[in-house]
Amino acid sequence: MNFKRLLSYLIPIKIDEIKSDINKNLEITWNNGQLVLDSENTNFSYGSLQKVLRFGLKKIGFEQVNHLKVL
């Protein structure tokens, strides 16, 4: 388990922020050892949505998200 993921049990760790035409900004953070995807008004990975996010990231492929250094 990497250091940022462990530290996220104490405080949320912002990994990246991406501008979006639809949602203004999308933010990826480690929170309680889980990757979380948030916009200004919505959490896209709360509870059971965490499974959906994980599935989507796996389908996209490691190479596509590797530059974020989150996996």
N, C-alpha and C. Protein backbone atom coordinates (compact mmCIF):
# COMPACT_ATOMS: atom_id res chain seq x y z
N MET A 1 0.87 -1.18 0.00
CA MET A 1 0.00 0.00 0.00
C MET A 1 0.91 1.23 0.00
N ASN A 2 0.60 2.20 -0.87
CA ASN A 2 1.49 3.36 -0.95
C ASN A 2 1.22 4.36 0.18
N PHE A 3 2.18 5.26 0.37
CA PHE A 3 2.13 6.22 1.47
C PHE A 3 0.91 7.13 1.41
N LYS A 4 0.57 7.65 0.22
CA LYS A 4 -0.58 8.55 0.10
C LYS A 4 -1.87 7.85 0.48
N ARG A 5 -1.99 6.60 0.08
CA ARG A 5 -3.20 5.84 0.42
C ARG A 5 -3.29 5.65 1.94
N LEU A 6 -2.20 5.33 2.59
CA LEU A 6 -2.19 5.18 4.04
C LEU A 6 -2.52 6.51 4.74
N LEU A 7 -1.92 7.58 4.26
CA LEU A 7 -2.17 8.90 4.86
C LEU A 7 -3.62 9.33 4.70
N SER A 8 -4.29 8.82 3.66
CA SER A 8 -5.69 9.21 3.41
C SER A 8 -6.65 8.75 4.50
N TYR A 9 -6.21 7.83 5.36
CA TYR A 9 -7.05 7.43 6.50
C TYR A 9 -7.11 8.55 7.54
N LEU A 10 -6.14 9.47 7.48
CA LEU A 10 -6.12 10.60 8.40
C LEU A 10 -6.71 11.86 7.77
N ILE A 11 -6.32 12.14 6.53
CA ILE A 11 -6.81 13.31 5.81
C ILE A 11 -6.98 12.95 4.33
N PRO A 12 -7.94 13.55 3.64
CA PRO A 12 -8.07 13.30 2.19
C PRO A 12 -6.84 13.84 1.45
N ILE A 13 -6.36 13.09 0.46
CA ILE A 13 -5.18 13.46 -0.31
C ILE A 13 -5.60 13.69 -1.76
N LYS A 14 -5.49 14.95 -2.23
CA LYS A 14 -5.85 15.25 -3.61
C LYS A 14 -4.76 14.72 -4.54
N ILE A 15 -5.18 13.93 -5.54
CA ILE A 15 -4.26 13.35 -6.51
C ILE A 15 -4.19 14.21 -7.76
N ASP A 16 -5.34 14.59 -8.28
CA ASP A 16 -5.37 15.37 -9.52
C ASP A 16 -6.68 16.12 -9.62
N GLU A 17 -6.66 17.19 -10.39
CA GLU A 17 -7.87 17.95 -10.68
C GLU A 17 -7.89 18.21 -12.18
N ILE A 18 -9.01 17.91 -12.81
CA ILE A 18 -9.14 18.00 -14.26
C ILE A 18 -10.32 18.90 -14.60
N LYS A 19 -10.13 19.82 -15.54
CA LYS A 19 -11.22 20.68 -15.97
C LYS A 19 -12.17 19.90 -16.87
N SER A 20 -13.47 20.17 -16.70
CA SER A 20 -14.50 19.48 -17.47
C SER A 20 -15.51 20.50 -17.99
N ASP A 21 -15.91 20.37 -19.23
CA ASP A 21 -16.92 21.28 -19.79
C ASP A 21 -18.27 21.11 -19.11
N ILE A 22 -18.57 19.91 -18.67
CA ILE A 22 -19.88 19.61 -18.08
C ILE A 22 -19.88 19.88 -16.58
N ASN A 23 -18.85 19.43 -15.85
CA ASN A 23 -18.84 19.51 -14.39
C ASN A 23 -17.85 20.53 -13.83
N LYS A 24 -17.37 21.45 -14.63
CA LYS A 24 -16.36 22.44 -14.24
C LYS A 24 -15.04 21.75 -13.90
N ASN A 25 -14.91 21.21 -12.71
CA ASN A 25 -13.70 20.51 -12.30
C ASN A 25 -14.03 19.13 -11.76
N LEU A 26 -13.20 18.16 -12.11
CA LEU A 26 -13.28 16.83 -11.53
C LEU A 26 -12.04 16.64 -10.68
N GLU A 27 -12.22 16.13 -9.49
CA GLU A 27 -11.12 15.96 -8.57
C GLU A 27 -11.01 14.50 -8.14
N ILE A 28 -9.81 13.96 -8.20
CA ILE A 28 -9.55 12.60 -7.76
C ILE A 28 -8.76 12.69 -6.46
N THR A 29 -9.27 12.03 -5.41
CA THR A 29 -8.58 12.04 -4.12
C THR A 29 -8.54 10.63 -3.54
N TRP A 30 -7.57 10.43 -2.66
CA TRP A 30 -7.59 9.26 -1.80
C TRP A 30 -8.33 9.69 -0.54
N ASN A 31 -9.31 8.90 -0.11
CA ASN A 31 -10.06 9.18 1.11
C ASN A 31 -10.38 7.86 1.78
N ASN A 32 -9.89 7.68 2.99
CA ASN A 32 -10.08 6.42 3.73
C ASN A 32 -9.63 5.21 2.92
N GLY A 33 -8.49 5.36 2.22
CA GLY A 33 -7.92 4.25 1.47
C GLY A 33 -8.61 3.94 0.16
N GLN A 34 -9.57 4.76 -0.25
CA GLN A 34 -10.31 4.54 -1.48
C GLN A 34 -10.13 5.73 -2.41
N LEU A 35 -10.11 5.46 -3.72
CA LEU A 35 -10.10 6.54 -4.69
C LEU A 35 -11.50 7.12 -4.78
N VAL A 36 -11.59 8.44 -4.80
CA VAL A 36 -12.87 9.13 -4.84
C VAL A 36 -12.84 10.11 -6.01
N LEU A 37 -13.92 10.14 -6.78
CA LEU A 37 -14.06 11.07 -7.89
C LEU A 37 -15.19 12.04 -7.57
N ASP A 38 -14.85 13.34 -7.49
CA ASP A 38 -15.83 14.36 -7.13
C ASP A 38 -15.85 15.47 -8.17
N SER A 39 -17.03 16.09 -8.31
CA SER A 39 -17.14 17.35 -9.03
C SER A 39 -17.56 18.39 -8.00
N GLU A 40 -17.85 19.57 -8.45
CA GLU A 40 -18.24 20.64 -7.52
C GLU A 40 -19.49 20.28 -6.73
N ASN A 41 -20.46 19.60 -7.36
CA ASN A 41 -21.74 19.30 -6.72
C ASN A 41 -22.03 17.82 -6.53
N THR A 42 -21.16 16.94 -7.00
CA THR A 42 -21.48 15.52 -7.00
C THR A 42 -20.28 14.67 -6.63
N ASN A 43 -20.54 13.60 -5.88
CA ASN A 43 -19.54 12.58 -5.63
C ASN A 43 -19.90 11.40 -6.52
N PHE A 44 -19.00 11.03 -7.40
CA PHE A 44 -19.26 9.96 -8.36
C PHE A 44 -18.82 8.59 -7.85
N SER A 45 -18.33 8.50 -6.63
CA SER A 45 -17.80 7.22 -6.17
C SER A 45 -18.14 6.94 -4.71
N TYR A 46 -19.27 7.43 -4.23
CA TYR A 46 -19.68 7.20 -2.85
C TYR A 46 -20.34 5.83 -2.72
N GLY A 47 -20.00 5.10 -1.69
CA GLY A 47 -20.62 3.80 -1.40
C GLY A 47 -20.47 2.81 -2.53
N SER A 48 -21.59 2.31 -3.05
CA SER A 48 -21.54 1.30 -4.11
C SER A 48 -20.99 1.85 -5.42
N LEU A 49 -21.00 3.18 -5.58
CA LEU A 49 -20.41 3.77 -6.78
C LEU A 49 -18.90 3.56 -6.82
N GLN A 50 -18.29 3.26 -5.66
CA GLN A 50 -16.86 2.94 -5.62
C GLN A 50 -16.57 1.73 -6.51
N LYS A 51 -17.45 0.74 -6.50
CA LYS A 51 -17.28 -0.44 -7.35
C LYS A 51 -17.38 -0.07 -8.83
N VAL A 52 -18.30 0.84 -9.15
CA VAL A 52 -18.46 1.28 -10.53
C VAL A 52 -17.20 2.02 -10.99
N LEU A 53 -16.68 2.90 -10.14
CA LEU A 53 -15.45 3.64 -10.47
C LEU A 53 -14.29 2.67 -10.68
N ARG A 54 -14.13 1.71 -9.79
CA ARG A 54 -13.03 0.73 -9.90
C ARG A 54 -13.16 -0.06 -11.20
N PHE A 55 -14.37 -0.51 -11.53
CA PHE A 55 -14.62 -1.25 -12.77
C PHE A 55 -14.25 -0.39 -13.98
N GLY A 56 -14.69 0.86 -13.98
CA GLY A 56 -14.40 1.75 -15.10
C GLY A 56 -12.92 2.01 -15.26
N LEU A 57 -12.21 2.22 -14.15
CA LEU A 57 -10.76 2.44 -14.23
C LEU A 57 -10.04 1.21 -14.75
N LYS A 58 -10.50 0.03 -14.37
CA LYS A 58 -9.89 -1.20 -14.88
C LYS A 58 -10.15 -1.35 -16.37
N LYS A 59 -11.35 -1.00 -16.82
CA LYS A 59 -11.69 -1.12 -18.24
C LYS A 59 -10.91 -0.11 -19.09
N ILE A 60 -10.67 1.09 -18.56
CA ILE A 60 -9.90 2.09 -19.28
C ILE A 60 -8.48 1.58 -19.50
N GLY A 61 -7.94 0.93 -18.51
CA GLY A 61 -6.60 0.38 -18.61
C GLY A 61 -5.59 1.16 -17.79
N PHE A 62 -4.63 0.45 -17.26
CA PHE A 62 -3.62 1.02 -16.39
C PHE A 62 -2.83 2.12 -17.10
N GLU A 63 -2.50 1.91 -18.36
CA GLU A 63 -1.67 2.87 -19.09
C GLU A 63 -2.36 4.23 -19.19
N GLN A 64 -3.68 4.25 -19.33
CA GLN A 64 -4.43 5.50 -19.48
C GLN A 64 -4.46 6.33 -18.18
N VAL A 65 -4.44 5.66 -17.03
CA VAL A 65 -4.51 6.40 -15.77
C VAL A 65 -3.19 6.41 -15.01
N ASN A 66 -2.19 5.75 -15.53
CA ASN A 66 -0.90 5.65 -14.84
C ASN A 66 -0.28 7.02 -14.60
N HIS A 67 -0.45 7.97 -15.51
CA HIS A 67 0.16 9.29 -15.34
C HIS A 67 -0.35 10.01 -14.09
N LEU A 68 -1.49 9.57 -13.54
CA LEU A 68 -2.03 10.17 -12.33
C LEU A 68 -1.34 9.65 -11.08
N LYS A 69 -0.64 8.54 -11.19
CA LYS A 69 0.07 7.92 -10.06
C LYS A 69 -0.88 7.58 -8.93
N VAL A 70 -2.06 7.02 -9.27
CA VAL A 70 -3.05 6.69 -8.25
C VAL A 70 -3.19 5.20 -8.01
N LEU A 71 -2.70 4.37 -8.91
CA LEU A 71 -2.86 2.93 -8.75
C LEU A 71 -1.63 2.30 -8.20
